[in-house]
Amino acid sequence: MRVSYKKLWKLLIDKDMSKADLRKAVEMSPNTMTKMRKNEEVAMSVLLKIATYLDCDISDMCEFVKDDDKNE
């Protein structure tokens, strides 16, 4: 399983907001934003800050998806 932030990127588009705008608004480090762009795990506290700022639920921003790697 891996995390996907596609929902967050779509939400930002709907709110006419850039990733840089979000990073500055929630005072997120550039390294954390890079992790999110690469669909890597970030601290729950970061997700809570973003959810609070965007007035949404964590499930509106990210989801866990199954890896497509199947050894046959």
PDB file of N, CA and C in Angstrom:
ATOM      1  N   MET A   1       0.849  -1.178   0.000  1.00  0.00           N
ATOM      2  CA  MET A   1       0.000   0.000   0.000  1.00  0.00           C
ATOM      3  C   MET A   1       0.894   1.241   0.000  1.00  0.00           C
ATOM      4  N   ARG A   2       0.372   2.273  -0.617  1.00  0.00           N
ATOM      5  CA  ARG A   2       1.080   3.545  -0.640  1.00  0.00           C
ATOM      6  C   ARG A   2       0.060   4.665  -0.516  1.00  0.00           C
ATOM      7  N   VAL A   3       0.545   5.842  -0.206  1.00  0.00           N
ATOM      8  CA  VAL A   3      -0.339   6.994  -0.063  1.00  0.00           C
ATOM      9  C   VAL A   3      -0.377   7.773  -1.379  1.00  0.00           C
ATOM     10  N   SER A   4      -1.529   8.346  -1.668  1.00  0.00           N
ATOM     11  CA  SER A   4      -1.694   9.184  -2.860  1.00  0.00           C
ATOM     12  C   SER A   4      -2.336  10.501  -2.444  1.00  0.00           C
ATOM     13  N   TYR A   5      -1.766  11.597  -2.949  1.00  0.00           N
ATOM     14  CA  TYR A   5      -2.294  12.922  -2.639  1.00  0.00           C
ATOM     15  C   TYR A   5      -3.027  13.529  -3.840  1.00  0.00           C
ATOM     16  N   LYS A   6      -3.461  12.704  -4.777  1.00  0.00           N
ATOM     17  CA  LYS A   6      -4.177  13.216  -5.955  1.00  0.00           C
ATOM     18  C   LYS A   6      -5.391  14.040  -5.565  1.00  0.00           C
ATOM     19  N   LYS A   7      -6.095  13.594  -4.545  1.00  0.00           N
ATOM     20  CA  LYS A   7      -7.285  14.334  -4.106  1.00  0.00           C
ATOM     21  C   LYS A   7      -6.923  15.753  -3.654  1.00  0.00           C
ATOM     22  N   LEU A   8      -5.785  15.890  -2.987  1.00  0.00           N
ATOM     23  CA  LEU A   8      -5.348  17.206  -2.542  1.00  0.00           C
ATOM     24  C   LEU A   8      -5.033  18.100  -3.727  1.00  0.00           C
ATOM     25  N   TRP A   9      -4.328  17.574  -4.718  1.00  0.00           N
ATOM     26  CA  TRP A   9      -3.970  18.385  -5.886  1.00  0.00           C
ATOM     27  C   TRP A   9      -5.226  18.827  -6.634  1.00  0.00           C
ATOM     28  N   LYS A  10      -6.226  17.953  -6.723  1.00  0.00           N
ATOM     29  CA  LYS A  10      -7.491  18.327  -7.370  1.00  0.00           C
ATOM     30  C   LYS A  10      -8.230  19.381  -6.548  1.00  0.00           C
ATOM     31  N   LEU A  11      -8.179  19.237  -5.231  1.00  0.00           N
ATOM     32  CA  LEU A  11      -8.821  20.206  -4.347  1.00  0.00           C
ATOM     33  C   LEU A  11      -8.183  21.590  -4.507  1.00  0.00           C
ATOM     34  N   LEU A  12      -6.863  21.625  -4.628  1.00  0.00           N
ATOM     35  CA  LEU A  12      -6.181  22.899  -4.838  1.00  0.00           C
ATOM     36  C   LEU A  12      -6.591  23.541  -6.160  1.00  0.00           C
ATOM     37  N   ILE A  13      -6.736  22.733  -7.200  1.00  0.00           N
ATOM     38  CA  ILE A  13      -7.195  23.253  -8.492  1.00  0.00           C
ATOM     39  C   ILE A  13      -8.587  23.854  -8.345  1.00  0.00           C
ATOM     40  N   ASP A  14      -9.475  23.140  -7.648  1.00  0.00           N
ATOM     41  CA  ASP A  14     -10.838  23.637  -7.438  1.00  0.00           C
ATOM     42  C   ASP A  14     -10.846  24.959  -6.674  1.00  0.00           C
ATOM     43  N   LYS A  15      -9.884  25.134  -5.774  1.00  0.00           N
ATOM     44  CA  LYS A  15      -9.812  26.359  -4.974  1.00  0.00           C
ATOM     45  C   LYS A  15      -8.916  27.409  -5.619  1.00  0.00           C
ATOM     46  N   ASP A  16      -8.457  27.133  -6.841  1.00  0.00           N
ATOM     47  CA  ASP A  16      -7.585  28.043  -7.592  1.00  0.00           C
ATOM     48  C   ASP A  16      -6.368  28.435  -6.757  1.00  0.00           C
ATOM     49  N   MET A  17      -5.714  27.424  -6.218  1.00  0.00           N
ATOM     50  CA  MET A  17      -4.578  27.630  -5.331  1.00  0.00           C
ATOM     51  C   MET A  17      -3.403  26.783  -5.809  1.00  0.00           C
ATOM     52  N   SER A  18      -2.207  27.335  -5.744  1.00  0.00           N
ATOM     53  CA  SER A  18      -1.028  26.570  -6.156  1.00  0.00           C
ATOM     54  C   SER A  18      -0.456  25.802  -4.964  1.00  0.00           C
ATOM     55  N   LYS A  19       0.397  24.843  -5.272  1.00  0.00           N
ATOM     56  CA  LYS A  19       1.067  24.088  -4.216  1.00  0.00           C
ATOM     57  C   LYS A  19       1.943  25.025  -3.387  1.00  0.00           C
ATOM     58  N   ALA A  20       2.571  25.985  -4.035  1.00  0.00           N
ATOM     59  CA  ALA A  20       3.415  26.952  -3.328  1.00  0.00           C
ATOM     60  C   ALA A  20       2.581  27.805  -2.375  1.00  0.00           C
ATOM     61  N   ASP A  21       1.387  28.204  -2.825  1.00  0.00           N
ATOM     62  CA  ASP A  21       0.489  28.982  -1.960  1.00  0.00           C
ATOM     63  C   ASP A  21       0.134  28.191  -0.705  1.00  0.00           C
ATOM     64  N   LEU A  22      -0.184  26.915  -0.895  1.00  0.00           N
ATOM     65  CA  LEU A  22      -0.541  26.061   0.237  1.00  0.00           C
ATOM     66  C   LEU A  22       0.644  25.916   1.183  1.00  0.00           C
ATOM     67  N   ARG A  23       1.813  25.667   0.633  1.00  0.00           N
ATOM     68  CA  ARG A  23       3.011  25.480   1.446  1.00  0.00           C
ATOM     69  C   ARG A  23       3.268  26.703   2.332  1.00  0.00           C
ATOM     70  N   LYS A  24       3.128  27.876   1.752  1.00  0.00           N
ATOM     71  CA  LYS A  24       3.343  29.109   2.513  1.00  0.00           C
ATOM     72  C   LYS A  24       2.240  29.331   3.541  1.00  0.00           C
ATOM     73  N   ALA A  25       1.009  29.034   3.165  1.00  0.00           N
ATOM     74  CA  ALA A  25      -0.133  29.283   4.055  1.00  0.00           C
ATOM     75  C   ALA A  25      -0.077  28.440   5.325  1.00  0.00           C
ATOM     76  N   VAL A  26       0.377  27.200   5.206  1.00  0.00           N
ATOM     77  CA  VAL A  26       0.428  26.323   6.384  1.00  0.00           C
ATOM     78  C   VAL A  26       1.842  26.202   6.948  1.00  0.00           C
ATOM     79  N   GLU A  27       2.752  27.042   6.422  1.00  0.00           N
ATOM     80  CA  GLU A  27       4.135  27.074   6.893  1.00  0.00           C
ATOM     81  C   GLU A  27       4.778  25.694   6.862  1.00  0.00           C
ATOM     82  N   MET A  28       4.651  25.039   5.718  1.00  0.00           N
ATOM     83  CA  MET A  28       5.192  23.708   5.499  1.00  0.00           C
ATOM     84  C   MET A  28       6.603  23.830   4.915  1.00  0.00           C
ATOM     85  N   SER A  29       7.473  22.962   5.312  1.00  0.00           N
ATOM     86  CA  SER A  29       8.837  23.010   4.774  1.00  0.00           C
ATOM     87  C   SER A  29       8.844  22.545   3.316  1.00  0.00           C
ATOM     88  N   PRO A  30       9.784  23.055   2.539  1.00  0.00           N
ATOM     89  CA  PRO A  30       9.894  22.602   1.140  1.00  0.00           C
ATOM     90  C   PRO A  30      10.116  21.091   1.040  1.00  0.00           C
ATOM     91  N   ASN A  31      10.845  20.518   1.995  1.00  0.00           N
ATOM     92  CA  ASN A  31      11.089  19.076   1.981  1.00  0.00           C
ATOM     93  C   ASN A  31       9.804  18.274   2.150  1.00  0.00           C
ATOM     94  N   THR A  32       8.918  18.766   2.996  1.00  0.00           N
ATOM     95  CA  THR A  32       7.640  18.083   3.201  1.00  0.00           C
ATOM     96  C   THR A  32       6.797  18.142   1.931  1.00  0.00           C
ATOM     97  N   MET A  33       6.788  19.285   1.268  1.00  0.00           N
ATOM     98  CA  MET A  33       6.044  19.402   0.018  1.00  0.00           C
ATOM     99  C   MET A  33       6.621  18.462  -1.037  1.00  0.00           C
ATOM    100  N   THR A  34       7.925  18.333  -1.073  1.00  0.00           N
ATOM    101  CA  THR A  34       8.557  17.413  -2.013  1.00  0.00           C
ATOM    102  C   THR A  34       8.118  15.980  -1.733  1.00  0.00           C
ATOM    103  N   LYS A  35       8.062  15.610  -0.463  1.00  0.00           N
ATOM    104  CA  LYS A  35       7.583  14.271  -0.101  1.00  0.00           C
ATOM    105  C   LYS A  35       6.162  14.054  -0.605  1.00  0.00           C
ATOM    106  N   MET A  36       5.325  15.056  -0.448  1.00  0.00           N
ATOM    107  CA  MET A  36       3.935  14.919  -0.884  1.00  0.00           C
ATOM    108  C   MET A  36       3.854  14.805  -2.403  1.00  0.00           C
ATOM    109  N   ARG A  37       4.672  15.561  -3.103  1.00  0.00           N
ATOM    110  CA  ARG A  37       4.682  15.465  -4.569  1.00  0.00           C
ATOM    111  C   ARG A  37       5.089  14.077  -5.036  1.00  0.00           C
ATOM    112  N   LYS A  38       5.927  13.410  -4.228  1.00  0.00           N
ATOM    113  CA  LYS A  38       6.396  12.059  -4.563  1.00  0.00           C
ATOM    114  C   LYS A  38       5.506  10.970  -3.963  1.00  0.00           C
ATOM    115  N   ASN A  39       4.356  11.386  -3.401  1.00  0.00           N
ATOM    116  CA  ASN A  39       3.428  10.456  -2.752  1.00  0.00           C
ATOM    117  C   ASN A  39       4.093   9.657  -1.640  1.00  0.00           C
ATOM    118  N   GLU A  40       4.911  10.341  -0.846  1.00  0.00           N
ATOM    119  CA  GLU A  40       5.533   9.726   0.312  1.00  0.00           C
ATOM    120  C   GLU A  40       4.779  10.141   1.570  1.00  0.00           C
ATOM    121  N   GLU A  41       4.959   9.383   2.617  1.00  0.00           N
ATOM    122  CA  GLU A  41       4.268   9.665   3.877  1.00  0.00           C
ATOM    123  C   GLU A  41       4.801  10.944   4.521  1.00  0.00           C
ATOM    124  N   VAL A  42       3.893  11.720   5.106  1.00  0.00           N
ATOM    125  CA  VAL A  42       4.262  12.912   5.874  1.00  0.00           C
ATOM    126  C   VAL A  42       3.606  12.818   7.245  1.00  0.00           C
ATOM    127  N   ALA A  43       4.021  13.665   8.144  1.00  0.00           N
ATOM    128  CA  ALA A  43       3.501  13.643   9.517  1.00  0.00           C
ATOM    129  C   ALA A  43       2.009  13.971   9.549  1.00  0.00           C
ATOM    130  N   MET A  44       1.314  13.331  10.456  1.00  0.00           N
ATOM    131  CA  MET A  44      -0.111  13.576  10.638  1.00  0.00           C
ATOM    132  C   MET A  44      -0.365  15.043  10.986  1.00  0.00           C
ATOM    133  N   SER A  45       0.546  15.653  11.721  1.00  0.00           N
ATOM    134  CA  SER A  45       0.373  17.059  12.096  1.00  0.00           C
ATOM    135  C   SER A  45       0.325  17.957  10.851  1.00  0.00           C
ATOM    136  N   VAL A  46       1.086  17.620   9.833  1.00  0.00           N
ATOM    137  CA  VAL A  46       1.059  18.384   8.580  1.00  0.00           C
ATOM    138  C   VAL A  46      -0.301  18.229   7.907  1.00  0.00           C
ATOM    139  N   LEU A  47      -0.790  17.004   7.845  1.00  0.00           N
ATOM    140  CA  LEU A  47      -2.094  16.762   7.223  1.00  0.00           C
ATOM    141  C   LEU A  47      -3.200  17.491   7.979  1.00  0.00           C
ATOM    142  N   LEU A  48      -3.103  17.531   9.296  1.00  0.00           N
ATOM    143  CA  LEU A  48      -4.103  18.242  10.094  1.00  0.00           C
ATOM    144  C   LEU A  48      -4.061  19.745   9.834  1.00  0.00           C
ATOM    145  N   LYS A  49      -2.863  20.305   9.695  1.00  0.00           N
ATOM    146  CA  LYS A  49      -2.746  21.732   9.376  1.00  0.00           C
ATOM    147  C   LYS A  49      -3.400  22.043   8.033  1.00  0.00           C
ATOM    148  N   ILE A  50      -3.127  21.195   7.049  1.00  0.00           N
ATOM    149  CA  ILE A  50      -3.687  21.406   5.722  1.00  0.00           C
ATOM    150  C   ILE A  50      -5.207  21.278   5.760  1.00  0.00           C
ATOM    151  N   ALA A  51      -5.699  20.239   6.431  1.00  0.00           N
ATOM    152  CA  ALA A  51      -7.147  20.025   6.528  1.00  0.00           C
ATOM    153  C   ALA A  51      -7.835  21.197   7.215  1.00  0.00           C
ATOM    154  N   THR A  52      -7.217  21.716   8.258  1.00  0.00           N
ATOM    155  CA  THR A  52      -7.777  22.865   8.965  1.00  0.00           C
ATOM    156  C   THR A  52      -7.808  24.084   8.059  1.00  0.00           C
ATOM    157  N   TYR A  53      -6.714  24.330   7.361  1.00  0.00           N
ATOM    158  CA  TYR A  53      -6.626  25.491   6.477  1.00  0.00           C
ATOM    159  C   TYR A  53      -7.640  25.403   5.337  1.00  0.00           C
ATOM    160  N   LEU A  54      -7.777  24.217   4.744  1.00  0.00           N
ATOM    161  CA  LEU A  54      -8.693  24.043   3.607  1.00  0.00           C
ATOM    162  C   LEU A  54     -10.118  23.728   4.044  1.00  0.00           C
ATOM    163  N   ASP A  55     -10.326  23.585   5.354  1.00  0.00           N
ATOM    164  CA  ASP A  55     -11.640  23.263   5.914  1.00  0.00           C
ATOM    165  C   ASP A  55     -12.194  21.990   5.287  1.00  0.00           C
ATOM    166  N   CYS A  56     -11.398  20.926   5.378  1.00  0.00           N
ATOM    167  CA  CYS A  56     -11.820  19.643   4.815  1.00  0.00           C
ATOM    168  C   CYS A  56     -11.347  18.523   5.733  1.00  0.00           C
ATOM    169  N   ASP A  57     -11.667  17.310   5.358  1.00  0.00           N
ATOM    170  CA  ASP A  57     -11.271  16.126   6.103  1.00  0.00           C
ATOM    171  C   ASP A  57     -10.020  15.532   5.465  1.00  0.00           C
ATOM    172  N   ILE A  58      -9.244  14.801   6.232  1.00  0.00           N
ATOM    173  CA  ILE A  58      -8.038  14.180   5.681  1.00  0.00           C
ATOM    174  C   ILE A  58      -8.385  13.266   4.507  1.00  0.00           C
ATOM    175  N   SER A  59      -9.513  12.610   4.579  1.00  0.00           N
ATOM    176  CA  SER A  59      -9.907  11.718   3.479  1.00  0.00           C
ATOM    177  C   SER A  59     -10.237  12.490   2.196  1.00  0.00           C
ATOM    178  N   ASP A  60     -10.422  13.809   2.299  1.00  0.00           N
ATOM    179  CA  ASP A  60     -10.636  14.633   1.113  1.00  0.00           C
ATOM    180  C   ASP A  60      -9.311  14.982   0.427  1.00  0.00           C
ATOM    181  N   MET A  61      -8.197  14.686   1.105  1.00  0.00           N
ATOM    182  CA  MET A  61      -6.885  15.068   0.584  1.00  0.00           C
ATOM    183  C   MET A  61      -6.016  13.899   0.157  1.00  0.00           C
ATOM    184  N   CYS A  62      -6.154  12.775   0.840  1.00  0.00           N
ATOM    185  CA  CYS A  62      -5.272  11.657   0.521  1.00  0.00           C
ATOM    186  C   CYS A  62      -6.014  10.335   0.700  1.00  0.00           C
ATOM    187  N   GLU A  63      -5.403   9.304   0.140  1.00  0.00           N
ATOM    188  CA  GLU A  63      -5.963   7.964   0.266  1.00  0.00           C
ATOM    189  C   GLU A  63      -4.836   6.950   0.140  1.00  0.00           C
ATOM    190  N   PHE A  64      -5.096   5.758   0.622  1.00  0.00           N
ATOM    191  CA  PHE A  64      -4.156   4.665   0.449  1.00  0.00           C
ATOM    192  C   PHE A  64      -4.583   3.860  -0.761  1.00  0.00           C
ATOM    193  N   VAL A  65      -3.610   3.535  -1.590  1.00  0.00           N
ATOM    194  CA  VAL A  65      -3.899   2.741  -2.785  1.00  0.00           C
ATOM    195  C   VAL A  65      -2.996   1.509  -2.775  1.00  0.00           C
ATOM    196  N   LYS A  66      -3.515   0.445  -3.325  1.00  0.00           N
ATOM    197  CA  LYS A  66      -2.745  -0.793  -3.407  1.00  0.00           C
ATOM    198  C   LYS A  66      -1.689  -0.661  -4.476  1.00  0.00           C
ATOM    199  N   ASP A  67      -0.537  -1.243  -4.198  1.00  0.00           N
ATOM    200  CA  ASP A  67       0.527  -1.285  -5.206  1.00  0.00           C
ATOM    201  C   ASP A  67       0.093  -2.195  -6.344  1.00  0.00           C
ATOM    202  N   ASP A  68       0.464  -1.816  -7.570  1.00  0.00           N
ATOM    203  CA  ASP A  68       0.102  -2.615  -8.730  1.00  0.00           C
ATOM    204  C   ASP A  68       1.067  -3.745  -8.992  1.00  0.00           C
ATOM    205  N   ASP A  69       2.145  -3.798  -8.221  1.00  0.00           N
ATOM    206  CA  ASP A  69       3.153  -4.859  -8.432  1.00  0.00           C
ATOM    207  C   ASP A  69       2.599  -6.205  -7.983  1.00  0.00           C
ATOM    208  N   LYS A  70       2.460  -7.091  -8.952  1.00  0.00           N
ATOM    209  CA  LYS A  70       1.999  -8.445  -8.654  1.00  0.00           C
ATOM    210  C   LYS A  70       3.011  -9.415  -9.262  1.00  0.00           C
ATOM    211  N   ASN A  71       3.580 -10.201  -8.402  1.00  0.00           N
ATOM    212  CA  ASN A  71       4.553 -11.196  -8.888  1.00  0.00           C
ATOM    213  C   ASN A  71       3.821 -12.418  -9.374  1.00  0.00           C
ATOM    214  N   GLU A  72       3.817 -12.601 -10.665  1.00  0.00           N
ATOM    215  CA  GLU A  72       3.106 -13.745 -11.244  1.00  0.00           C
ATOM    216  C   GLU A  72       4.088 -14.752 -11.780  1.00  0.00           C
TER     217      GLU A  72
END
